[in-house]
Amino acid sequence: MGYIRKRILKDGNIRFQGEIRLRGYKTLTATFGRKTDAKRWIQRIESDIRAGRHQIYSESKRHTFKEAIERYFKEQKVSVVKRGHLQWWEKELGNLYLQDINPNIS
């Protein structure tokens, strides 16, 4: 979701700060001299993110499923049965990025 903040600088100039906060993405900000420029930037960036063209900010695009399982093994106590299940899933999906994994319900 995008927000615009009006900023008045010490020298009296007015700036508009656009901020975009979407779940799963880092907060993005940019400053503009005109409010309309800030609105256009927010619309363009939100559209790009939702269309998958702005993926460099997605944490799920930076990490593979294998990395997630390895981290889980390090941080949690895992039973033998659960470890076997996770290792099977790691073989099947380990090379995929987390963003690329979704349920395919037919």
N, C-alpha and C. Protein backbone atom coordinates (compact mmCIF):
# COMPACT_ATOMS: atom_id res chain seq x y z
N MET A 1 0.84 -1.17 0.00
CA MET A 1 0.00 0.00 0.00
C MET A 1 0.88 1.23 0.00
N GLY A 2 0.54 2.22 -0.76
CA GLY A 2 1.35 3.41 -0.89
C GLY A 2 0.82 4.59 -0.09
N TYR A 3 1.74 5.36 0.43
CA TYR A 3 1.42 6.56 1.20
C TYR A 3 2.26 7.71 0.70
N ILE A 4 1.72 8.92 0.87
CA ILE A 4 2.48 10.12 0.50
C ILE A 4 2.52 11.02 1.72
N ARG A 5 3.73 11.46 2.05
CA ARG A 5 3.92 12.38 3.17
C ARG A 5 4.41 13.71 2.61
N LYS A 6 3.85 14.78 3.14
CA LYS A 6 4.30 16.10 2.75
C LYS A 6 5.41 16.52 3.72
N ARG A 7 6.54 16.90 3.17
CA ARG A 7 7.70 17.31 3.98
C ARG A 7 8.02 18.77 3.67
N ILE A 8 8.16 19.56 4.72
CA ILE A 8 8.58 20.95 4.54
C ILE A 8 10.02 21.05 5.03
N LEU A 9 10.91 21.40 4.14
CA LEU A 9 12.32 21.48 4.47
C LEU A 9 12.64 22.77 5.21
N LYS A 10 13.81 22.84 5.81
CA LYS A 10 14.22 24.02 6.58
C LYS A 10 14.27 25.27 5.72
N ASP A 11 14.60 25.09 4.45
CA ASP A 11 14.67 26.26 3.55
C ASP A 11 13.30 26.67 3.01
N GLY A 12 12.24 25.97 3.44
CA GLY A 12 10.88 26.33 3.03
C GLY A 12 10.36 25.56 1.83
N ASN A 13 11.22 24.80 1.16
CA ASN A 13 10.78 24.00 0.02
C ASN A 13 9.91 22.84 0.50
N ILE A 14 9.00 22.44 -0.36
CA ILE A 14 8.09 21.34 -0.04
C ILE A 14 8.49 20.13 -0.87
N ARG A 15 8.56 18.98 -0.22
CA ARG A 15 8.85 17.71 -0.90
C ARG A 15 7.77 16.71 -0.52
N PHE A 16 7.55 15.77 -1.40
CA PHE A 16 6.57 14.72 -1.15
C PHE A 16 7.30 13.38 -1.16
N GLN A 17 7.16 12.66 -0.06
CA GLN A 17 7.83 11.38 0.08
C GLN A 17 6.82 10.27 -0.13
N GLY A 18 7.05 9.46 -1.17
CA GLY A 18 6.22 8.29 -1.43
C GLY A 18 6.79 7.09 -0.71
N GLU A 19 5.91 6.32 -0.09
CA GLU A 19 6.34 5.12 0.62
C GLU A 19 5.43 3.96 0.25
N ILE A 20 6.04 2.82 -0.06
CA ILE A 20 5.27 1.63 -0.42
C ILE A 20 5.61 0.53 0.56
N ARG A 21 4.56 -0.03 1.17
CA ARG A 21 4.73 -1.15 2.10
C ARG A 21 3.82 -2.28 1.66
N LEU A 22 4.42 -3.36 1.20
CA LEU A 22 3.67 -4.54 0.80
C LEU A 22 4.26 -5.75 1.53
N ARG A 23 3.39 -6.64 1.96
CA ARG A 23 3.85 -7.84 2.67
C ARG A 23 4.79 -8.66 1.80
N GLY A 24 5.91 -9.05 2.39
CA GLY A 24 6.88 -9.86 1.67
C GLY A 24 7.92 -9.05 0.93
N TYR A 25 7.82 -7.74 0.97
CA TYR A 25 8.76 -6.87 0.28
C TYR A 25 9.29 -5.83 1.25
N LYS A 26 10.49 -5.36 0.99
CA LYS A 26 11.05 -4.29 1.81
C LYS A 26 10.30 -3.00 1.52
N THR A 27 10.27 -2.12 2.51
CA THR A 27 9.64 -0.81 2.34
C THR A 27 10.47 0.01 1.36
N LEU A 28 9.78 0.61 0.41
CA LEU A 28 10.44 1.43 -0.60
C LEU A 28 10.03 2.88 -0.41
N THR A 29 10.97 3.80 -0.52
CA THR A 29 10.65 5.22 -0.41
C THR A 29 11.37 5.99 -1.50
N ALA A 30 10.76 7.10 -1.89
CA ALA A 30 11.37 8.01 -2.85
C ALA A 30 10.78 9.40 -2.61
N THR A 31 11.56 10.43 -2.88
CA THR A 31 11.15 11.80 -2.63
C THR A 31 11.00 12.54 -3.95
N PHE A 32 9.94 13.36 -4.02
CA PHE A 32 9.61 14.07 -5.26
C PHE A 32 9.28 15.52 -4.95
N GLY A 33 9.41 16.35 -5.96
CA GLY A 33 9.06 17.76 -5.83
C GLY A 33 7.58 18.02 -6.02
N ARG A 34 6.89 17.09 -6.69
CA ARG A 34 5.45 17.26 -6.94
C ARG A 34 4.68 16.04 -6.44
N LYS A 35 3.51 16.29 -5.92
CA LYS A 35 2.68 15.21 -5.39
C LYS A 35 2.25 14.25 -6.50
N THR A 36 1.98 14.78 -7.68
CA THR A 36 1.55 13.91 -8.79
C THR A 36 2.66 12.94 -9.19
N ASP A 37 3.91 13.38 -9.11
CA ASP A 37 5.03 12.48 -9.41
C ASP A 37 5.09 11.34 -8.39
N ALA A 38 4.86 11.68 -7.13
CA ALA A 38 4.85 10.65 -6.07
C ALA A 38 3.73 9.65 -6.30
N LYS A 39 2.54 10.12 -6.68
CA LYS A 39 1.41 9.23 -6.95
C LYS A 39 1.71 8.30 -8.11
N ARG A 40 2.28 8.84 -9.18
CA ARG A 40 2.61 8.01 -10.35
C ARG A 40 3.66 6.96 -10.00
N TRP A 41 4.66 7.35 -9.20
CA TRP A 41 5.71 6.41 -8.80
C TRP A 41 5.11 5.26 -7.99
N ILE A 42 4.25 5.59 -7.05
CA ILE A 42 3.61 4.55 -6.22
C ILE A 42 2.81 3.60 -7.10
N GLN A 43 2.01 4.13 -8.00
CA GLN A 43 1.20 3.28 -8.88
C GLN A 43 2.07 2.38 -9.74
N ARG A 44 3.14 2.93 -10.30
CA ARG A 44 4.02 2.16 -11.18
C ARG A 44 4.75 1.06 -10.43
N ILE A 45 5.30 1.38 -9.27
CA ILE A 45 6.07 0.40 -8.51
C ILE A 45 5.15 -0.69 -7.96
N GLU A 46 3.99 -0.32 -7.43
CA GLU A 46 3.05 -1.34 -6.94
C GLU A 46 2.62 -2.26 -8.07
N SER A 47 2.37 -1.70 -9.22
CA SER A 47 1.99 -2.51 -10.39
C SER A 47 3.11 -3.45 -10.78
N ASP A 48 4.34 -2.96 -10.81
CA ASP A 48 5.49 -3.80 -11.15
C ASP A 48 5.68 -4.93 -10.14
N ILE A 49 5.52 -4.63 -8.87
CA ILE A 49 5.68 -5.65 -7.84
C ILE A 49 4.63 -6.75 -8.01
N ARG A 50 3.39 -6.35 -8.19
CA ARG A 50 2.31 -7.33 -8.32
C ARG A 50 2.43 -8.15 -9.60
N ALA A 51 3.02 -7.57 -10.64
CA ALA A 51 3.20 -8.28 -11.91
C ALA A 51 4.48 -9.11 -11.93
N GLY A 52 5.28 -9.00 -10.87
CA GLY A 52 6.50 -9.79 -10.79
C GLY A 52 7.69 -9.17 -11.50
N ARG A 53 7.59 -7.92 -11.89
CA ARG A 53 8.69 -7.25 -12.58
C ARG A 53 9.63 -6.53 -11.62
N HIS A 54 9.32 -6.53 -10.35
CA HIS A 54 10.11 -5.79 -9.36
C HIS A 54 10.56 -6.75 -8.27
N GLN A 55 11.10 -7.89 -8.66
CA GLN A 55 11.37 -8.97 -7.72
C GLN A 55 12.64 -8.82 -6.92
N ILE A 56 13.47 -7.87 -7.22
CA ILE A 56 14.73 -7.77 -6.48
C ILE A 56 14.49 -7.44 -5.01
N TYR A 57 13.30 -6.97 -4.68
CA TYR A 57 13.02 -6.62 -3.29
C TYR A 57 12.33 -7.74 -2.53
N SER A 58 12.07 -8.83 -3.18
CA SER A 58 11.38 -9.94 -2.54
C SER A 58 12.37 -10.86 -1.84
N GLU A 59 12.19 -11.06 -0.55
CA GLU A 59 13.03 -12.00 0.19
C GLU A 59 12.83 -13.41 -0.34
N SER A 60 11.62 -13.74 -0.72
CA SER A 60 11.35 -15.09 -1.18
C SER A 60 12.02 -15.41 -2.52
N LYS A 61 12.47 -14.40 -3.23
CA LYS A 61 13.17 -14.63 -4.49
C LYS A 61 14.66 -14.82 -4.26
N ARG A 62 15.14 -14.50 -3.06
CA ARG A 62 16.56 -14.61 -2.77
C ARG A 62 16.96 -15.94 -2.15
N HIS A 63 15.99 -16.68 -1.66
CA HIS A 63 16.31 -17.90 -0.92
C HIS A 63 15.60 -19.11 -1.53
N THR A 64 16.31 -20.23 -1.54
CA THR A 64 15.73 -21.47 -2.06
C THR A 64 15.06 -22.24 -0.94
N PHE A 65 14.27 -23.20 -1.34
CA PHE A 65 13.59 -24.06 -0.37
C PHE A 65 14.62 -24.86 0.43
N LYS A 66 15.69 -25.26 -0.21
CA LYS A 66 16.75 -26.00 0.47
C LYS A 66 17.35 -25.16 1.60
N GLU A 67 17.61 -23.89 1.35
CA GLU A 67 18.14 -23.01 2.38
C GLU A 67 17.18 -22.89 3.56
N ALA A 68 15.89 -22.82 3.26
CA ALA A 68 14.90 -22.72 4.32
C ALA A 68 14.89 -23.97 5.19
N ILE A 69 14.98 -25.13 4.57
CA ILE A 69 15.00 -26.39 5.33
C ILE A 69 16.26 -26.49 6.16
N GLU A 70 17.40 -26.12 5.59
CA GLU A 70 18.65 -26.16 6.34
C GLU A 70 18.60 -25.24 7.56
N ARG A 71 18.03 -24.07 7.38
CA ARG A 71 17.88 -23.14 8.51
C ARG A 71 16.94 -23.72 9.56
N TYR A 72 15.88 -24.34 9.11
CA TYR A 72 14.92 -24.95 10.04
C TYR A 72 15.61 -26.04 10.87
N PHE A 73 16.42 -26.88 10.23
CA PHE A 73 17.15 -27.93 10.95
C PHE A 73 18.09 -27.34 12.00
N LYS A 74 18.72 -26.21 11.70
CA LYS A 74 19.64 -25.58 12.64
C LYS A 74 18.92 -24.96 13.84
N GLU A 75 17.73 -24.40 13.59
CA GLU A 75 17.05 -23.63 14.63
C GLU A 75 16.01 -24.41 15.42
N GLN A 76 15.56 -25.56 14.93
CA GLN A 76 14.49 -26.31 15.58
C GLN A 76 14.93 -27.74 15.86
N LYS A 77 14.38 -28.30 16.93
CA LYS A 77 14.55 -29.72 17.17
C LYS A 77 13.56 -30.45 16.26
N VAL A 78 14.06 -31.41 15.51
CA VAL A 78 13.23 -32.08 14.52
C VAL A 78 13.23 -33.58 14.80
N SER A 79 12.03 -34.17 14.83
CA SER A 79 11.93 -35.61 15.04
C SER A 79 12.45 -36.35 13.81
N VAL A 80 12.73 -37.61 13.97
CA VAL A 80 13.25 -38.44 12.88
C VAL A 80 12.24 -38.49 11.73
N VAL A 81 10.97 -38.64 12.06
CA VAL A 81 9.94 -38.73 11.02
C VAL A 81 9.85 -37.40 10.26
N LYS A 82 9.80 -36.29 10.99
CA LYS A 82 9.70 -34.98 10.34
C LYS A 82 10.94 -34.71 9.49
N ARG A 83 12.12 -35.09 9.99
CA ARG A 83 13.36 -34.90 9.24
C ARG A 83 13.29 -35.65 7.91
N GLY A 84 12.78 -36.88 7.93
CA GLY A 84 12.65 -37.66 6.70
C GLY A 84 11.71 -37.01 5.70
N HIS A 85 10.59 -36.50 6.20
CA HIS A 85 9.64 -35.81 5.31
C HIS A 85 10.28 -34.58 4.68
N LEU A 86 10.95 -33.79 5.52
CA LEU A 86 11.57 -32.57 5.01
C LEU A 86 12.70 -32.87 4.02
N GLN A 87 13.44 -33.91 4.28
CA GLN A 87 14.50 -34.28 3.34
C GLN A 87 13.92 -34.73 2.00
N TRP A 88 12.78 -35.41 2.02
CA TRP A 88 12.13 -35.81 0.77
C TRP A 88 11.70 -34.56 0.00
N TRP A 89 11.07 -33.60 0.70
CA TRP A 89 10.64 -32.36 0.05
C TRP A 89 11.84 -31.57 -0.46
N GLU A 90 12.93 -31.62 0.28
CA GLU A 90 14.14 -30.93 -0.15
C GLU A 90 14.65 -31.50 -1.48
N LYS A 91 14.60 -32.83 -1.64
CA LYS A 91 15.00 -33.44 -2.91
C LYS A 91 14.07 -33.02 -4.04
N GLU A 92 12.77 -32.94 -3.75
CA GLU A 92 11.79 -32.61 -4.78
C GLU A 92 11.80 -31.12 -5.17
N LEU A 93 11.91 -30.25 -4.17
CA LEU A 93 11.73 -28.82 -4.42
C LEU A 93 12.93 -27.96 -4.01
N GLY A 94 14.01 -28.57 -3.56
CA GLY A 94 15.13 -27.83 -2.98
C GLY A 94 15.74 -26.76 -3.85
N ASN A 95 15.74 -26.94 -5.16
CA ASN A 95 16.38 -25.97 -6.05
C ASN A 95 15.47 -24.80 -6.42
N LEU A 96 14.21 -24.84 -6.02
CA LEU A 96 13.27 -23.76 -6.35
C LEU A 96 13.38 -22.62 -5.34
N TYR A 97 13.16 -21.41 -5.82
CA TYR A 97 13.06 -20.27 -4.91
C TYR A 97 11.73 -20.35 -4.17
N LEU A 98 11.71 -19.82 -2.96
CA LEU A 98 10.48 -19.90 -2.15
C LEU A 98 9.31 -19.25 -2.87
N GLN A 99 9.56 -18.19 -3.62
CA GLN A 99 8.50 -17.49 -4.33
C GLN A 99 7.83 -18.37 -5.40
N ASP A 100 8.59 -19.32 -5.91
CA ASP A 100 8.08 -20.16 -7.01
C ASP A 100 7.28 -21.36 -6.51
N ILE A 101 7.22 -21.56 -5.21
CA ILE A 101 6.49 -22.70 -4.66
C ILE A 101 5.10 -22.24 -4.25
N ASN A 102 4.09 -22.92 -4.82
CA ASN A 102 2.71 -22.64 -4.42
C ASN A 102 1.88 -23.89 -4.64
N PRO A 103 0.75 -23.99 -3.92
CA PRO A 103 -0.07 -25.18 -4.11
C PRO A 103 -0.76 -25.12 -5.46
N ASN A 104 -0.70 -26.23 -6.17
CA ASN A 104 -1.34 -26.32 -7.48
C ASN A 104 -2.58 -27.17 -7.32
N ILE A 105 -3.67 -26.54 -6.96
CA ILE A 105 -4.91 -27.26 -6.70
C ILE A 105 -5.72 -27.32 -8.01
N SER A 106 -5.98 -28.53 -8.44
CA SER A 106 -6.72 -28.71 -9.70
C SER A 106 -8.14 -29.12 -9.43
